Structures are given as structure tokens and as C-alpha cells.
Amino acid sequence: RLAGGGPVEAGVPFGHKVAVAAIAQGEAVRKYGVVIGHATRP
């Protein structure tokens, strides 16, 4: 679980990213207000 609510997969290391919403294939991935890539699958 994430602090404040929401799921997180077990095993994700420190400093890595976790989706807080569903991200469709091809959709922009946004971190800190910046597009950092695009999802290659849902």
C-alpha cells in the first residue's frame, strides 16, 4: 500500500516509479509534471 492510499506491487525498489492511475498503451507517463515516456502496454 502507498501512504495515503492506493496499491503498490510488492518488490518495487527504492526510487522506482509506480502507477497511481491506469495508463493506457501509448499514453504519456508523467512524473513531476513532465512527460518522461509513453506506456508500451496498459
ModelCIF file with pLDDT and N, C-alpha, C, O atoms, coordinates in Angstrom:
data_MODEL
#
_entry.id   MODEL 
#
_entity.id                         1 
_entity.type                       polymer 
_entity.pdbx_number_of_molecules   1 
#
_entity_poly.entity_id                      1 
_entity_poly.type                           'polypeptide(L)' 
_entity_poly.nstd_linkage                   no 
_entity_poly.nstd_monomer                   no 
_entity_poly.pdbx_seq_one_letter_code       RLAGGGPVEAGVPFGHKVAVAAIAQGEAVRKYGVVIGHATRP 
_entity_poly.pdbx_seq_one_letter_code_can   RLAGGGPVEAGVPFGHKVAVAAIAQGEAVRKYGVVIGHATRP 
_entity_poly.pdbx_strand_id                 A 
#
loop_
_entity_poly_seq.entity_id 
_entity_poly_seq.num 
_entity_poly_seq.mon_id 
_entity_poly_seq.hetero 
1 1  ARG n 
1 2  LEU n 
1 3  ALA n 
1 4  GLY n 
1 5  GLY n 
1 6  GLY n 
1 7  PRO n 
1 8  VAL n 
1 9  GLU n 
1 10 ALA n 
1 11 GLY n 
1 12 VAL n 
1 13 PRO n 
1 14 PHE n 
1 15 GLY n 
1 16 HIS n 
1 17 LYS n 
1 18 VAL n 
1 19 ALA n 
1 20 VAL n 
1 21 ALA n 
1 22 ALA n 
1 23 ILE n 
1 24 ALA n 
1 25 GLN n 
1 26 GLY n 
1 27 GLU n 
1 28 ALA n 
1 29 VAL n 
1 30 ARG n 
1 31 LYS n 
1 32 TYR n 
1 33 GLY n 
1 34 VAL n 
1 35 VAL n 
1 36 ILE n 
1 37 GLY n 
1 38 HIS n 
1 39 ALA n 
1 40 THR n 
1 41 ARG n 
1 42 PRO n 
#
_struct_asym.id          A 
_struct_asym.entity_id   1 
#
loop_
_ma_qa_metric.id 
_ma_qa_metric.mode 
_ma_qa_metric.name 
_ma_qa_metric.software_group_id 
_ma_qa_metric.type 
1 global pLDDT . pLDDT 
2 local  pLDDT . pLDDT 
#
_ma_qa_metric_global.metric_id      1 
_ma_qa_metric_global.metric_value   97.55 
_ma_qa_metric_global.model_id       1 
_ma_qa_metric_global.ordinal_id     1 
#
loop_
_ma_qa_metric_local.label_asym_id 
_ma_qa_metric_local.label_comp_id 
_ma_qa_metric_local.label_seq_id 
_ma_qa_metric_local.metric_id 
_ma_qa_metric_local.metric_value 
_ma_qa_metric_local.model_id 
_ma_qa_metric_local.ordinal_id 
A ARG 1  2 98.00 1 1  
A LEU 2  2 98.00 1 2  
A ALA 3  2 97.00 1 3  
A GLY 4  2 95.00 1 4  
A GLY 5  2 94.00 1 5  
A GLY 6  2 97.00 1 6  
A PRO 7  2 98.00 1 7  
A VAL 8  2 98.00 1 8  
A GLU 9  2 98.00 1 9  
A ALA 10 2 97.00 1 10 
A GLY 11 2 98.00 1 11 
A VAL 12 2 98.00 1 12 
A PRO 13 2 98.00 1 13 
A PHE 14 2 98.00 1 14 
A GLY 15 2 98.00 1 15 
A HIS 16 2 98.00 1 16 
A LYS 17 2 98.00 1 17 
A VAL 18 2 98.00 1 18 
A ALA 19 2 98.00 1 19 
A VAL 20 2 98.00 1 20 
A ALA 21 2 97.00 1 21 
A ALA 22 2 98.00 1 22 
A ILE 23 2 98.00 1 23 
A ALA 24 2 98.00 1 24 
A GLN 25 2 98.00 1 25 
A GLY 26 2 98.00 1 26 
A GLU 27 2 98.00 1 27 
A ALA 28 2 98.00 1 28 
A VAL 29 2 98.00 1 29 
A ARG 30 2 98.00 1 30 
A LYS 31 2 97.00 1 31 
A TYR 32 2 95.00 1 32 
A GLY 33 2 96.00 1 33 
A VAL 34 2 97.00 1 34 
A VAL 35 2 98.00 1 35 
A ILE 36 2 97.00 1 36 
A GLY 37 2 98.00 1 37 
A HIS 38 2 98.00 1 38 
A ALA 39 2 98.00 1 39 
A THR 40 2 98.00 1 40 
A ARG 41 2 98.00 1 41 
A PRO 42 2 98.00 1 42 
#
loop_
_atom_site.group_PDB 
_atom_site.id 
_atom_site.type_symbol 
_atom_site.label_atom_id 
_atom_site.label_alt_id 
_atom_site.label_comp_id 
_atom_site.label_asym_id 
_atom_site.label_entity_id 
_atom_site.label_seq_id 
_atom_site.pdbx_PDB_ins_code 
_atom_site.Cartn_x 
_atom_site.Cartn_y 
_atom_site.Cartn_z 
_atom_site.occupancy 
_atom_site.B_iso_or_equiv 
_atom_site.pdbx_formal_charge 
_atom_site.auth_seq_id 
_atom_site.auth_comp_id 
_atom_site.auth_asym_id 
_atom_site.auth_atom_id 
_atom_site.pdbx_PDB_model_num 
ATOM 1   N N  . ARG A 1 1  ? 0.847  -1.187 0.000   1.00 98.00 ? 1  ARG A N  1 
ATOM 2   C CA . ARG A 1 1  ? 0.000  0.000  0.000   1.00 98.00 ? 1  ARG A CA 1 
ATOM 3   C C  . ARG A 1 1  ? 0.882  1.236  0.000   1.00 98.00 ? 1  ARG A C  1 
ATOM 4   O O  . ARG A 1 1  ? 1.971  1.240  0.573   1.00 98.00 ? 1  ARG A O  1 
ATOM 5   N N  . LEU A 1 2  ? 0.395  2.287  -0.653  1.00 98.00 ? 2  LEU A N  1 
ATOM 6   C CA . LEU A 1 2  ? 1.073  3.574  -0.618  1.00 98.00 ? 2  LEU A CA 1 
ATOM 7   C C  . LEU A 1 2  ? 0.556  4.380  0.560   1.00 98.00 ? 2  LEU A C  1 
ATOM 8   O O  . LEU A 1 2  ? -0.618 4.274  0.914   1.00 98.00 ? 2  LEU A O  1 
ATOM 9   N N  . ALA A 1 3  ? 1.408  5.176  1.166   1.00 97.00 ? 3  ALA A N  1 
ATOM 10  C CA . ALA A 1 3  ? 0.960  6.115  2.195   1.00 97.00 ? 3  ALA A CA 1 
ATOM 11  C C  . ALA A 1 3  ? -0.097 7.017  1.562   1.00 97.00 ? 3  ALA A C  1 
ATOM 12  O O  . ALA A 1 3  ? 0.108  7.536  0.464   1.00 97.00 ? 3  ALA A O  1 
ATOM 13  N N  . GLY A 1 4  ? -1.206 7.203  2.235   1.00 95.00 ? 4  GLY A N  1 
ATOM 14  C CA . GLY A 1 4  ? -2.288 7.999  1.688   1.00 95.00 ? 4  GLY A CA 1 
ATOM 15  C C  . GLY A 1 4  ? -3.272 7.194  0.868   1.00 95.00 ? 4  GLY A C  1 
ATOM 16  O O  . GLY A 1 4  ? -4.293 7.726  0.431   1.00 95.00 ? 4  GLY A O  1 
ATOM 17  N N  . GLY A 1 5  ? -2.982 5.911  0.649   1.00 94.00 ? 5  GLY A N  1 
ATOM 18  C CA . GLY A 1 5  ? -3.880 5.032  -0.087  1.00 94.00 ? 5  GLY A CA 1 
ATOM 19  C C  . GLY A 1 5  ? -3.359 4.651  -1.448  1.00 94.00 ? 5  GLY A C  1 
ATOM 20  O O  . GLY A 1 5  ? -2.470 5.304  -1.994  1.00 94.00 ? 5  GLY A O  1 
ATOM 21  N N  . GLY A 1 6  ? -3.899 3.626  -1.974  1.00 97.00 ? 6  GLY A N  1 
ATOM 22  C CA . GLY A 1 6  ? -3.515 3.117  -3.290  1.00 97.00 ? 6  GLY A CA 1 
ATOM 23  C C  . GLY A 1 6  ? -2.608 1.917  -3.185  1.00 97.00 ? 6  GLY A C  1 
ATOM 24  O O  . GLY A 1 6  ? -1.859 1.777  -2.218  1.00 97.00 ? 6  GLY A O  1 
ATOM 25  N N  . PRO A 1 7  ? -2.672 1.041  -4.187  1.00 98.00 ? 7  PRO A N  1 
ATOM 26  C CA . PRO A 1 7  ? -1.868 -0.173 -4.183  1.00 98.00 ? 7  PRO A CA 1 
ATOM 27  C C  . PRO A 1 7  ? -0.452 0.061  -4.699  1.00 98.00 ? 7  PRO A C  1 
ATOM 28  O O  . PRO A 1 7  ? -0.179 1.050  -5.380  1.00 98.00 ? 7  PRO A O  1 
ATOM 29  N N  . VAL A 1 8  ? 0.428  -0.854 -4.367  1.00 98.00 ? 8  VAL A N  1 
ATOM 30  C CA . VAL A 1 8  ? 1.773  -0.918 -4.946  1.00 98.00 ? 8  VAL A CA 1 
ATOM 31  C C  . VAL A 1 8  ? 2.179  -2.383 -4.969  1.00 98.00 ? 8  VAL A C  1 
ATOM 32  O O  . VAL A 1 8  ? 1.979  -3.100 -3.988  1.00 98.00 ? 8  VAL A O  1 
ATOM 33  N N  . GLU A 1 9  ? 2.749  -2.832 -6.089  1.00 98.00 ? 9  GLU A N  1 
ATOM 34  C CA . GLU A 1 9  ? 3.244  -4.202 -6.181  1.00 98.00 ? 9  GLU A CA 1 
ATOM 35  C C  . GLU A 1 9  ? 4.343  -4.425 -5.155  1.00 98.00 ? 9  GLU A C  1 
ATOM 36  O O  . GLU A 1 9  ? 5.157  -3.535 -4.905  1.00 98.00 ? 9  GLU A O  1 
ATOM 37  N N  . ALA A 1 10 ? 4.366  -5.596 -4.569  1.00 97.00 ? 10 ALA A N  1 
ATOM 38  C CA . ALA A 1 10 ? 5.491  -5.969 -3.713  1.00 97.00 ? 10 ALA A CA 1 
ATOM 39  C C  . ALA A 1 10 ? 6.742  -6.063 -4.585  1.00 97.00 ? 10 ALA A C  1 
ATOM 40  O O  . ALA A 1 10 ? 6.666  -6.465 -5.746  1.00 97.00 ? 10 ALA A O  1 
ATOM 41  N N  . GLY A 1 11 ? 7.878  -5.694 -4.027  1.00 98.00 ? 11 GLY A N  1 
ATOM 42  C CA . GLY A 1 11 ? 9.150  -5.861 -4.714  1.00 98.00 ? 11 GLY A CA 1 
ATOM 43  C C  . GLY A 1 11 ? 9.663  -4.659 -5.479  1.00 98.00 ? 11 GLY A C  1 
ATOM 44  O O  . GLY A 1 11 ? 10.772 -4.713 -6.009  1.00 98.00 ? 11 GLY A O  1 
ATOM 45  N N  . VAL A 1 12 ? 8.902  -3.576 -5.560  1.00 98.00 ? 12 VAL A N  1 
ATOM 46  C CA . VAL A 1 12 ? 9.369  -2.403 -6.308  1.00 98.00 ? 12 VAL A CA 1 
ATOM 47  C C  . VAL A 1 12 ? 10.427 -1.684 -5.468  1.00 98.00 ? 12 VAL A C  1 
ATOM 48  O O  . VAL A 1 12 ? 10.158 -1.309 -4.327  1.00 98.00 ? 12 VAL A O  1 
ATOM 49  N N  . PRO A 1 13 ? 11.636 -1.488 -6.025  1.00 98.00 ? 13 PRO A N  1 
ATOM 50  C CA . PRO A 1 13 ? 12.730 -0.902 -5.239  1.00 98.00 ? 13 PRO A CA 1 
ATOM 51  C C  . PRO A 1 13 ? 12.600 0.602  -4.978  1.00 98.00 ? 13 PRO A C  1 
ATOM 52  O O  . PRO A 1 13 ? 11.844 1.310  -5.643  1.00 98.00 ? 13 PRO A O  1 
ATOM 53  N N  . PHE A 1 14 ? 13.359 1.053  -3.994  1.00 98.00 ? 14 PHE A N  1 
ATOM 54  C CA . PHE A 1 14 ? 13.501 2.478  -3.668  1.00 98.00 ? 14 PHE A CA 1 
ATOM 55  C C  . PHE A 1 14 ? 13.823 3.270  -4.932  1.00 98.00 ? 14 PHE A C  1 
ATOM 56  O O  . PHE A 1 14 ? 14.635 2.836  -5.749  1.00 98.00 ? 14 PHE A O  1 
ATOM 57  N N  . GLY A 1 15 ? 13.195 4.420  -5.091  1.00 98.00 ? 15 GLY A N  1 
ATOM 58  C CA . GLY A 1 15 ? 13.499 5.317  -6.208  1.00 98.00 ? 15 GLY A CA 1 
ATOM 59  C C  . GLY A 1 15 ? 12.805 4.984  -7.506  1.00 98.00 ? 15 GLY A C  1 
ATOM 60  O O  . GLY A 1 15 ? 12.901 5.743  -8.471  1.00 98.00 ? 15 GLY A O  1 
ATOM 61  N N  . HIS A 1 16 ? 12.106 3.864  -7.550  1.00 98.00 ? 16 HIS A N  1 
ATOM 62  C CA . HIS A 1 16 ? 11.412 3.485  -8.781  1.00 98.00 ? 16 HIS A CA 1 
ATOM 63  C C  . HIS A 1 16 ? 9.997  4.046  -8.780  1.00 98.00 ? 16 HIS A C  1 
ATOM 64  O O  . HIS A 1 16 ? 9.483  4.478  -7.748  1.00 98.00 ? 16 HIS A O  1 
ATOM 65  N N  . LYS A 1 17 ? 9.379  4.030  -9.957  1.00 98.00 ? 17 LYS A N  1 
ATOM 66  C CA . LYS A 1 17 ? 8.058  4.604  -10.148 1.00 98.00 ? 17 LYS A CA 1 
ATOM 67  C C  . LYS A 1 17 ? 6.974  3.535  -10.083 1.00 98.00 ? 17 LYS A C  1 
ATOM 68  O O  . LYS A 1 17 ? 7.185  2.377  -10.441 1.00 98.00 ? 17 LYS A O  1 
ATOM 69  N N  . VAL A 1 18 ? 5.792  3.972  -9.606  1.00 98.00 ? 18 VAL A N  1 
ATOM 70  C CA . VAL A 1 18 ? 4.605  3.134  -9.543  1.00 98.00 ? 18 VAL A CA 1 
ATOM 71  C C  . VAL A 1 18 ? 3.444  3.937  -10.116 1.00 98.00 ? 18 VAL A C  1 
ATOM 72  O O  . VAL A 1 18 ? 3.308  5.127  -9.831  1.00 98.00 ? 18 VAL A O  1 
ATOM 73  N N  . ALA A 1 19 ? 2.609  3.292  -10.922 1.00 98.00 ? 19 ALA A N  1 
ATOM 74  C CA . ALA A 1 19 ? 1.430  3.965  -11.464 1.00 98.00 ? 19 ALA A CA 1 
ATOM 75  C C  . ALA A 1 19 ? 0.432  4.257  -10.348 1.00 98.00 ? 19 ALA A C  1 
ATOM 76  O O  . ALA A 1 19 ? 0.161  3.397  -9.511  1.00 98.00 ? 19 ALA A O  1 
ATOM 77  N N  . VAL A 1 20 ? -0.109 5.467  -10.338 1.00 98.00 ? 20 VAL A N  1 
ATOM 78  C CA . VAL A 1 20 ? -1.157 5.831  -9.372  1.00 98.00 ? 20 VAL A CA 1 
ATOM 79  C C  . VAL A 1 20 ? -2.523 5.862  -10.050 1.00 98.00 ? 20 VAL A C  1 
ATOM 80  O O  . VAL A 1 20 ? -3.543 6.068  -9.392  1.00 98.00 ? 20 VAL A O  1 
ATOM 81  N N  . ALA A 1 21 ? -2.540 5.660  -11.343 1.00 97.00 ? 21 ALA A N  1 
ATOM 82  C CA . ALA A 1 21 ? -3.768 5.594  -12.130 1.00 97.00 ? 21 ALA A CA 1 
ATOM 83  C C  . ALA A 1 21 ? -3.500 4.649  -13.290 1.00 97.00 ? 21 ALA A C  1 
ATOM 84  O O  . ALA A 1 21 ? -2.348 4.370  -13.621 1.00 97.00 ? 21 ALA A O  1 
ATOM 85  N N  . ALA A 1 22 ? -4.562 4.164  -13.900 1.00 98.00 ? 22 ALA A N  1 
ATOM 86  C CA . ALA A 1 22 ? -4.389 3.340  -15.093 1.00 98.00 ? 22 ALA A CA 1 
ATOM 87  C C  . ALA A 1 22 ? -3.760 4.194  -16.196 1.00 98.00 ? 22 ALA A C  1 
ATOM 88  O O  . ALA A 1 22 ? -4.122 5.355  -16.384 1.00 98.00 ? 22 ALA A O  1 
ATOM 89  N N  . ILE A 1 23 ? -2.818 3.596  -16.914 1.00 98.00 ? 23 ILE A N  1 
ATOM 90  C CA . ILE A 1 23 ? -2.140 4.280  -18.017 1.00 98.00 ? 23 ILE A CA 1 
ATOM 91  C C  . ILE A 1 23 ? -2.332 3.408  -19.257 1.00 98.00 ? 23 ILE A C  1 
ATOM 92  O O  . ILE A 1 23 ? -1.892 2.259  -19.284 1.00 98.00 ? 23 ILE A O  1 
ATOM 93  N N  . ALA A 1 24 ? -2.979 3.949  -20.269 1.00 98.00 ? 24 ALA A N  1 
ATOM 94  C CA . ALA A 1 24 ? -3.249 3.200  -21.491 1.00 98.00 ? 24 ALA A CA 1 
ATOM 95  C C  . ALA A 1 24 ? -1.994 3.064  -22.346 1.00 98.00 ? 24 ALA A C  1 
ATOM 96  O O  . ALA A 1 24 ? -1.081 3.885  -22.259 1.00 98.00 ? 24 ALA A O  1 
ATOM 97  N N  . GLN A 1 25 ? -1.957 2.027  -23.168 1.00 98.00 ? 25 GLN A N  1 
ATOM 98  C CA . GLN A 1 25 ? -0.854 1.864  -24.103 1.00 98.00 ? 25 GLN A CA 1 
ATOM 99  C C  . GLN A 1 25 ? -0.749 3.123  -24.958 1.00 98.00 ? 25 GLN A C  1 
ATOM 100 O O  . GLN A 1 25 ? -1.748 3.586  -25.508 1.00 98.00 ? 25 GLN A O  1 
ATOM 101 N N  . GLY A 1 26 ? 0.449  3.672  -25.072 1.00 98.00 ? 26 GLY A N  1 
ATOM 102 C CA . GLY A 1 26 ? 0.695  4.874  -25.860 1.00 98.00 ? 26 GLY A CA 1 
ATOM 103 C C  . GLY A 1 26 ? 0.514  6.171  -25.092 1.00 98.00 ? 26 GLY A C  1 
ATOM 104 O O  . GLY A 1 26 ? 0.930  7.231  -25.560 1.00 98.00 ? 26 GLY A O  1 
ATOM 105 N N  . GLU A 1 27 ? -0.103 6.100  -23.915 1.00 98.00 ? 27 GLU A N  1 
ATOM 106 C CA . GLU A 1 27 ? -0.340 7.305  -23.115 1.00 98.00 ? 27 GLU A CA 1 
ATOM 107 C C  . GLU A 1 27 ? 0.961  7.819  -22.497 1.00 98.00 ? 27 GLU A C  1 
ATOM 108 O O  . GLU A 1 27 ? 1.861  7.044  -22.173 1.00 98.00 ? 27 GLU A O  1 
ATOM 109 N N  . ALA A 1 28 ? 1.040  9.133  -22.343 1.00 98.00 ? 28 ALA A N  1 
ATOM 110 C CA . ALA A 1 28 ? 2.209  9.750  -21.720 1.00 98.00 ? 28 ALA A CA 1 
ATOM 111 C C  . ALA A 1 28 ? 2.305  9.344  -20.255 1.00 98.00 ? 28 ALA A C  1 
ATOM 112 O O  . ALA A 1 28 ? 1.301  9.263  -19.547 1.00 98.00 ? 28 ALA A O  1 
ATOM 113 N N  . VAL A 1 29 ? 3.541  9.091  -19.816 1.00 98.00 ? 29 VAL A N  1 
ATOM 114 C CA . VAL A 1 29 ? 3.838  8.844  -18.405 1.00 98.00 ? 29 VAL A CA 1 
ATOM 115 C C  . VAL A 1 29 ? 4.369  10.154 -17.859 1.00 98.00 ? 29 VAL A C  1 
ATOM 116 O O  . VAL A 1 29 ? 5.351  10.697 -18.365 1.00 98.00 ? 29 VAL A O  1 
ATOM 117 N N  . ARG A 1 30 ? 3.710  10.664 -16.814 1.00 98.00 ? 30 ARG A N  1 
ATOM 118 C CA . ARG A 1 30 ? 4.059  11.980 -16.258 1.00 98.00 ? 30 ARG A CA 1 
ATOM 119 C C  . ARG A 1 30 ? 4.594  11.840 -14.844 1.00 98.00 ? 30 ARG A C  1 
ATOM 120 O O  . ARG A 1 30 ? 3.974  11.217 -13.982 1.00 98.00 ? 30 ARG A O  1 
ATOM 121 N N  . LYS A 1 31 ? 5.759  12.433 -14.626 1.00 97.00 ? 31 LYS A N  1 
ATOM 122 C CA . LYS A 1 31 ? 6.403  12.456 -13.312 1.00 97.00 ? 31 LYS A CA 1 
ATOM 123 C C  . LYS A 1 31 ? 6.884  13.877 -13.063 1.00 97.00 ? 31 LYS A C  1 
ATOM 124 O O  . LYS A 1 31 ? 7.546  14.468 -13.916 1.00 97.00 ? 31 LYS A O  1 
ATOM 125 N N  . TYR A 1 32 ? 6.553  14.437 -11.886 1.00 95.00 ? 32 TYR A N  1 
ATOM 126 C CA . TYR A 1 32 ? 6.950  15.790 -11.516 1.00 95.00 ? 32 TYR A CA 1 
ATOM 127 C C  . TYR A 1 32 ? 6.487  16.813 -12.551 1.00 95.00 ? 32 TYR A C  1 
ATOM 128 O O  . TYR A 1 32 ? 7.153  17.824 -12.770 1.00 95.00 ? 32 TYR A O  1 
ATOM 129 N N  . GLY A 1 33 ? 5.340  16.546 -13.189 1.00 96.00 ? 33 GLY A N  1 
ATOM 130 C CA . GLY A 1 33 ? 4.776  17.464 -14.164 1.00 96.00 ? 33 GLY A CA 1 
ATOM 131 C C  . GLY A 1 33 ? 5.393  17.398 -15.541 1.00 96.00 ? 33 GLY A C  1 
ATOM 132 O O  . GLY A 1 33 ? 5.100  18.235 -16.394 1.00 96.00 ? 33 GLY A O  1 
ATOM 133 N N  . VAL A 1 34 ? 6.253  16.402 -15.773 1.00 97.00 ? 34 VAL A N  1 
ATOM 134 C CA . VAL A 1 34 ? 6.979  16.291 -17.038 1.00 97.00 ? 34 VAL A CA 1 
ATOM 135 C C  . VAL A 1 34 ? 6.679  14.934 -17.680 1.00 97.00 ? 34 VAL A C  1 
ATOM 136 O O  . VAL A 1 34 ? 6.621  13.918 -16.988 1.00 97.00 ? 34 VAL A O  1 
ATOM 137 N N  . VAL A 1 35 ? 6.489  14.918 -18.997 1.00 98.00 ? 35 VAL A N  1 
ATOM 138 C CA . VAL A 1 35 ? 6.334  13.656 -19.711 1.00 98.00 ? 35 VAL A CA 1 
ATOM 139 C C  . VAL A 1 35 ? 7.705  12.997 -19.773 1.00 98.00 ? 35 VAL A C  1 
ATOM 140 O O  . VAL A 1 35 ? 8.649  13.561 -20.326 1.00 98.00 ? 35 VAL A O  1 
ATOM 141 N N  . ILE A 1 36 ? 7.809  11.794 -19.201 1.00 97.00 ? 36 ILE A N  1 
ATOM 142 C CA . ILE A 1 36 ? 9.102  11.094 -19.171 1.00 97.00 ? 36 ILE A CA 1 
ATOM 143 C C  . ILE A 1 36 ? 9.132  9.886  -20.101 1.00 97.00 ? 36 ILE A C  1 
ATOM 144 O O  . ILE A 1 36 ? 10.159 9.218  -20.218 1.00 97.00 ? 36 ILE A O  1 
ATOM 145 N N  . GLY A 1 37 ? 8.022  9.606  -20.755 1.00 98.00 ? 37 GLY A N  1 
ATOM 146 C CA . GLY A 1 37 ? 7.957  8.476  -21.673 1.00 98.00 ? 37 GLY A CA 1 
ATOM 147 C C  . GLY A 1 37 ? 6.517  8.164  -22.017 1.00 98.00 ? 37 GLY A C  1 
ATOM 148 O O  . GLY A 1 37 ? 5.604  8.928  -21.704 1.00 98.00 ? 37 GLY A O  1 
ATOM 149 N N  . HIS A 1 38 ? 6.331  7.020  -22.670 1.00 98.00 ? 38 HIS A N  1 
ATOM 150 C CA . HIS A 1 38 ? 4.996  6.567  -23.056 1.00 98.00 ? 38 HIS A CA 1 
ATOM 151 C C  . HIS A 1 38 ? 4.874  5.080  -22.738 1.00 98.00 ? 38 HIS A C  1 
ATOM 152 O O  . HIS A 1 38 ? 5.830  4.314  -22.868 1.00 98.00 ? 38 HIS A O  1 
ATOM 153 N N  . ALA A 1 39 ? 3.687  4.701  -22.324 1.00 98.00 ? 39 ALA A N  1 
ATOM 154 C CA . ALA A 1 39 ? 3.441  3.298  -21.967 1.00 98.00 ? 39 ALA A CA 1 
ATOM 155 C C  . ALA A 1 39 ? 3.497  2.429  -23.218 1.00 98.00 ? 39 ALA A C  1 
ATOM 156 O O  . ALA A 1 39 ? 2.881  2.749  -24.235 1.00 98.00 ? 39 ALA A O  1 
ATOM 157 N N  . THR A 1 40 ? 4.232  1.340  -23.136 1.00 98.00 ? 40 THR A N  1 
ATOM 158 C CA . THR A 1 40 ? 4.324  0.406  -24.260 1.00 98.00 ? 40 THR A CA 1 
ATOM 159 C C  . THR A 1 40 ? 3.235  -0.653 -24.197 1.00 98.00 ? 40 THR A C  1 
ATOM 160 O O  . THR A 1 40 ? 3.071  -1.440 -25.129 1.00 98.00 ? 40 THR A O  1 
ATOM 161 N N  . ARG A 1 41 ? 2.493  -0.673 -23.097 1.00 98.00 ? 41 ARG A N  1 
ATOM 162 C CA . ARG A 1 41 ? 1.348  -1.568 -22.899 1.00 98.00 ? 41 ARG A CA 1 
ATOM 163 C C  . ARG A 1 41 ? 0.506  -0.963 -21.776 1.00 98.00 ? 41 ARG A C  1 
ATOM 164 O O  . ARG A 1 41 ? 0.971  -0.059 -21.082 1.00 98.00 ? 41 ARG A O  1 
ATOM 165 N N  . PRO A 1 42 ? -0.719 -1.442 -21.588 1.00 98.00 ? 42 PRO A N  1 
ATOM 166 C CA . PRO A 1 42 ? -1.514 -0.919 -20.474 1.00 98.00 ? 42 PRO A CA 1 
ATOM 167 C C  . PRO A 1 42 ? -0.808 -1.165 -19.135 1.00 98.00 ? 42 PRO A C  1 
ATOM 168 O O  . PRO A 1 42 ? -1.330 -0.792 -18.085 1.00 98.00 ? 42 PRO A O  1 
#
